[in-house]
Amino acid sequence: MLALLQELVLPSIAIAKESTEHCTILTSGGDINGNIGLGGLKIYLSNKAIKVLVLNGGGYLMACAPSWRVVQFNPNNNLGMTWSLREWMGHTPRYTYFVPDKDDHFIWQQTRTEPIKVFGKDCIKARMHRHSKEGNWGEHEYIFLPHQPVSQVACSILQKLVNAPTIEGIPVSFRTLPAPPKAGEHQLFITSKIEEIDMPETFFAYPTGFKLAKHESDIVSDSTRNRLIEETFGY
C-alpha cells in the first residue's frame, strides 16, 4: 500500500528550480585606469543586471533593472554606498585616497574602427581621441564587444567604473597609444578571459543593512594595495 501511495504522490510533487540569468563574464587583471587600489575584477553582465567583484578586496559593485540603482558593498566591513543611475553616471569613481582632479570630464572622438577577434569573439577595435578643457589627451585604443544579449545600461555602468568611452557594447580592452614626447603606452583596462554562464537570480540580490562609507576606496578596493598606499604616502 505504501509503495502504491508513493507512486501516486511523488510524481505530482514539482521540485522548484531556481531562476537563472544568462551572463557574459569578463575577468580583468591588473590596475584599472591608474586607480592602483582597485586591482583585478570579475564582471558579470546580463540583460537585467551587472555585478563586479573585486578579486582581492572582498567588495563588489552591482545594479539591477528596472531602477539600475548602483550599490557598492563590502561584507567584510559591512560598509556600502549607493547612487541613482543618474548620480553614478555623473561622478568619477575613486579607488585610492588621492585628491580628485579638478576636471575629470572628457569628450571622446572616434576616428576609425576595424573588426578584431578576441577570445574567439567578434569585437571592434576603435581609435579614440580624448579631449578636455585642458586640451588634447592623446590617442587611445578601445576594443569592445557588440551585439551581446546584455543590457547597454549595464555596459554603461561598467564603462563608467573603468573610465572608458561610452560606446554601445562591452568594454574588453582600453589603452593609451605611444605619442611624442611621451614614450610607451599605458594599459588602462584589459580582459584576460570571457565566458558565457547562467547565474542564479539571487546572485544579483541587493545587499541591505550596511553602514554608509565615506570613501569608495573603503568598499571595493584591494585592502592590501590600500595599506601599501597609506604606508607609502602617509594617508
Protein backbone atom coordinates (compact mmCIF):
# COMPACT_ATOMS: atom_id res chain seq x y z
CA MET A 1 0.00 0.00 0.00
CA LEU A 2 2.82 2.44 0.91
CA ALA A 3 4.56 1.75 -2.38
CA LEU A 4 1.32 2.47 -4.27
CA LEU A 5 0.87 5.81 -2.46
CA GLN A 6 4.45 6.82 -3.30
CA GLU A 7 3.85 6.05 -6.97
CA LEU A 8 0.74 8.23 -6.95
CA VAL A 9 2.03 11.17 -4.87
CA LEU A 10 5.72 11.59 -5.75
CA PRO A 11 5.27 12.33 -9.47
CA SER A 12 2.86 15.13 -8.59
CA ILE A 13 5.42 16.93 -6.39
CA ALA A 14 7.18 19.54 -8.51
CA ILE A 15 10.71 20.40 -7.48
CA ALA A 16 11.15 24.17 -7.64
CA LYS A 17 14.01 25.22 -9.91
CA GLU A 18 15.79 28.48 -9.19
CA SER A 19 15.55 31.09 -11.96
CA THR A 20 18.79 31.98 -13.70
CA GLU A 21 20.25 34.86 -15.69
CA HIS A 22 22.45 34.28 -18.73
CA CYS A 23 25.65 36.26 -18.18
CA THR A 24 28.67 37.35 -20.14
CA ILE A 25 31.56 37.17 -17.66
CA LEU A 26 34.81 39.08 -18.03
CA THR A 27 37.90 38.55 -15.90
CA SER A 28 40.16 41.58 -15.78
CA GLY A 29 43.57 41.67 -14.17
CA GLY A 30 45.95 44.41 -13.15
CA ASP A 31 45.45 48.06 -12.34
CA ILE A 32 42.37 49.75 -13.75
CA ASN A 33 42.87 53.17 -15.33
CA GLY A 34 45.65 54.12 -12.94
CA ASN A 35 43.46 53.52 -9.86
CA ILE A 36 46.06 51.34 -8.19
CA GLY A 37 43.78 50.40 -5.31
CA LEU A 38 41.17 48.59 -7.44
CA GLY A 39 43.11 45.56 -8.69
CA GLY A 40 41.63 42.68 -10.69
CA LEU A 41 37.91 42.31 -11.39
CA LYS A 42 35.38 39.62 -12.28
CA ILE A 43 32.48 41.21 -14.14
CA TYR A 44 29.02 39.64 -14.59
CA LEU A 45 26.76 41.27 -17.20
CA SER A 46 23.23 40.21 -18.10
CA ASN A 47 20.17 41.73 -19.71
CA LYS A 48 18.88 42.76 -16.26
CA ALA A 49 21.92 43.33 -14.04
CA ILE A 50 25.63 43.91 -13.52
CA LYS A 51 27.85 42.69 -10.69
CA VAL A 52 31.57 43.46 -10.43
CA LEU A 53 33.66 41.56 -7.87
CA VAL A 54 36.99 42.98 -6.67
CA LEU A 55 39.06 39.81 -6.64
CA ASN A 56 41.41 40.68 -3.78
CA GLY A 57 39.30 43.17 -1.85
CA GLY A 58 36.11 41.30 -0.96
CA GLY A 59 33.83 44.14 -2.10
CA TYR A 60 31.61 44.44 -5.14
CA LEU A 61 29.52 46.80 -7.24
CA MET A 62 26.09 45.86 -8.53
CA ALA A 63 22.99 47.30 -10.18
CA CYS A 64 19.71 45.77 -11.37
CA ALA A 65 16.79 46.68 -13.60
CA PRO A 66 14.40 48.39 -13.56
CA SER A 67 15.83 51.19 -11.38
CA TRP A 68 19.52 50.38 -12.03
CA ARG A 69 20.38 51.77 -8.58
CA VAL A 70 24.14 51.34 -8.18
CA VAL A 71 25.39 49.88 -4.89
CA GLN A 72 28.93 49.24 -3.72
CA PHE A 73 29.24 46.93 -0.72
CA ASN A 74 31.90 45.05 1.23
CA PRO A 75 30.64 42.27 3.53
CA ASN A 76 34.00 42.18 5.34
CA ASN A 77 33.40 45.57 6.98
CA ASN A 78 29.65 45.97 6.24
CA LEU A 79 30.31 49.30 4.50
CA GLY A 80 28.43 50.45 1.43
CA MET A 81 27.43 53.36 -0.78
CA THR A 82 24.53 53.84 -3.17
CA TRP A 83 23.77 56.08 -6.15
CA SER A 84 20.87 56.56 -8.52
CA LEU A 85 21.83 55.72 -12.11
CA ARG A 86 21.98 59.43 -12.94
CA GLU A 87 24.24 60.14 -9.95
CA TRP A 88 26.55 57.25 -10.86
CA MET A 89 26.94 58.36 -14.46
CA GLY A 90 27.67 61.93 -13.35
CA HIS A 91 30.55 61.23 -10.97
CA THR A 92 34.10 59.89 -11.27
CA PRO A 93 34.75 56.66 -9.32
CA ARG A 94 37.71 56.84 -6.93
CA TYR A 95 39.54 53.84 -5.53
CA THR A 96 42.53 55.42 -3.81
CA TYR A 97 42.90 58.26 -1.34
CA PHE A 98 44.36 60.60 -3.93
CA VAL A 99 42.70 64.02 -4.31
CA PRO A 100 40.35 64.09 -7.35
CA ASP A 101 41.42 66.06 -10.39
CA LYS A 102 39.76 69.42 -11.00
CA ASP A 103 38.47 68.32 -14.37
CA ASP A 104 37.52 64.67 -14.84
CA HIS A 105 35.08 65.23 -17.71
CA PHE A 106 36.33 64.25 -21.14
CA ILE A 107 34.89 64.27 -24.65
CA TRP A 108 35.72 61.23 -26.76
CA GLN A 109 36.08 61.42 -30.54
CA GLN A 110 36.15 58.19 -32.53
CA THR A 111 38.47 58.34 -35.54
CA ARG A 112 38.37 54.84 -37.09
CA THR A 113 37.30 51.25 -36.38
CA GLU A 114 38.19 47.76 -37.57
CA PRO A 115 36.97 44.23 -36.72
CA ILE A 116 39.14 42.06 -34.47
CA LYS A 117 38.85 38.61 -32.85
CA VAL A 118 39.37 38.47 -29.07
CA PHE A 119 38.99 35.09 -27.32
CA GLY A 120 37.05 33.89 -30.36
CA LYS A 121 34.56 36.78 -30.10
CA ASP A 122 33.84 39.25 -32.91
CA CYS A 123 34.95 42.58 -31.44
CA ILE A 124 35.55 46.11 -32.72
CA LYS A 125 38.84 47.96 -32.29
CA ALA A 126 38.41 51.74 -32.29
CA ARG A 127 40.89 54.59 -32.25
CA MET A 128 39.76 57.35 -29.89
CA HIS A 129 40.93 60.88 -29.10
CA ARG A 130 40.24 62.27 -25.63
CA HIS A 131 39.69 66.00 -25.13
CA SER A 132 39.06 68.15 -22.06
CA LYS A 133 39.19 71.82 -21.11
CA GLU A 134 42.93 71.35 -20.60
CA GLY A 135 43.47 70.20 -24.19
CA ASN A 136 44.06 67.01 -26.15
CA TRP A 137 44.97 63.96 -24.02
CA GLY A 138 46.17 61.91 -26.97
CA GLU A 139 45.10 58.79 -28.82
CA HIS A 140 43.65 55.67 -27.25
CA GLU A 141 42.77 52.19 -28.48
CA TYR A 142 39.42 50.84 -27.30
CA ILE A 143 38.26 47.28 -28.01
CA PHE A 144 34.64 46.43 -27.31
CA LEU A 145 32.25 43.51 -27.83
CA PRO A 146 29.00 44.49 -29.61
CA HIS A 147 25.79 42.56 -30.25
CA GLN A 148 25.65 40.66 -26.95
CA PRO A 149 22.39 39.83 -25.09
CA VAL A 150 23.45 42.27 -22.38
CA SER A 151 21.78 45.50 -21.24
CA GLN A 152 23.50 48.61 -22.55
CA VAL A 153 22.71 50.27 -19.21
CA ALA A 154 24.84 47.60 -17.53
CA CYS A 155 27.61 48.25 -20.07
CA SER A 156 27.43 52.00 -19.41
CA ILE A 157 27.78 51.42 -15.64
CA LEU A 158 30.87 49.28 -16.32
CA GLN A 159 32.30 51.87 -18.72
CA LYS A 160 31.94 54.50 -16.02
CA LEU A 161 33.57 52.20 -13.46
CA VAL A 162 36.73 51.86 -15.58
CA ASN A 163 36.55 55.39 -17.09
CA ALA A 164 36.15 54.01 -20.62
CA PRO A 165 34.31 55.74 -23.50
CA THR A 166 30.54 55.25 -23.53
CA ILE A 167 30.08 53.27 -26.75
CA GLU A 168 27.41 50.64 -27.29
CA GLY A 169 28.97 47.30 -26.37
CA ILE A 170 31.00 45.62 -23.61
CA PRO A 171 34.47 47.11 -22.93
CA VAL A 172 37.19 44.48 -23.46
CA SER A 173 40.44 46.46 -23.63
CA PHE A 174 41.42 50.10 -23.28
CA ARG A 175 44.90 51.64 -23.54
CA THR A 176 46.76 54.79 -24.42
CA LEU A 177 48.93 54.73 -27.53
CA PRO A 178 52.53 55.98 -27.64
CA ALA A 179 52.95 59.52 -28.92
CA PRO A 180 55.82 62.03 -28.73
CA PRO A 181 57.07 63.47 -26.49
CA LYS A 182 55.79 60.71 -24.14
CA ALA A 183 57.23 57.26 -24.86
CA GLY A 184 55.48 53.98 -24.24
CA GLU A 185 51.85 53.10 -23.63
CA HIS A 186 49.62 52.64 -20.60
CA GLN A 187 47.15 49.77 -20.29
CA LEU A 188 44.02 51.24 -18.71
CA PHE A 189 41.80 48.15 -18.78
CA ILE A 190 42.36 44.63 -20.09
CA THR A 191 40.28 41.46 -20.18
CA SER A 192 42.07 38.15 -19.72
CA LYS A 193 39.04 35.85 -20.12
CA ILE A 194 35.47 35.93 -21.49
CA GLU A 195 32.86 33.31 -20.53
CA GLU A 196 29.13 32.67 -21.02
CA ILE A 197 27.47 31.22 -17.89
CA ASP A 198 23.97 31.05 -16.38
CA MET A 199 23.92 32.52 -12.86
CA PRO A 200 21.11 32.24 -10.27
CA GLU A 201 18.99 35.40 -9.98
CA THR A 202 19.76 35.51 -6.25
CA PHE A 203 23.38 36.28 -7.19
CA PHE A 204 22.13 39.75 -8.12
CA ALA A 205 20.18 40.46 -4.92
CA TYR A 206 20.90 43.91 -3.46
CA PRO A 207 22.67 43.97 -0.08
CA THR A 208 20.82 45.53 2.86
CA GLY A 209 21.62 46.86 6.34
CA PHE A 210 25.09 48.19 5.58
CA LYS A 211 26.79 51.22 7.13
CA LEU A 212 27.44 54.25 4.92
CA ALA A 213 31.10 54.55 3.89
CA LYS A 214 32.96 57.85 3.46
CA HIS A 215 35.13 56.70 0.54
CA GLU A 216 34.61 54.26 -2.31
CA SER A 217 38.12 53.01 -1.59
CA ASP A 218 36.85 51.71 1.79
CA ILE A 219 34.45 49.38 -0.04
CA VAL A 220 35.70 48.00 -3.33
CA SER A 221 39.47 48.44 -3.18
CA ASP A 222 42.06 45.76 -2.66
CA SER A 223 42.81 46.16 1.06
CA THR A 224 46.46 45.08 0.63
CA ARG A 225 47.01 47.73 -2.03
CA ASN A 226 45.33 50.36 0.11
CA ARG A 227 47.63 49.60 3.03
CA LEU A 228 50.61 49.94 0.72
CA ILE A 229 49.30 53.31 -0.47
CA GLU A 230 48.80 54.50 3.10
CA GLU A 231 52.28 53.37 4.13
CA THR A 232 53.89 54.95 1.07
CA PHE A 233 52.10 58.27 1.01
CA GLY A 234 51.07 58.64 4.66
CA TYR A 235 47.30 58.82 4.07
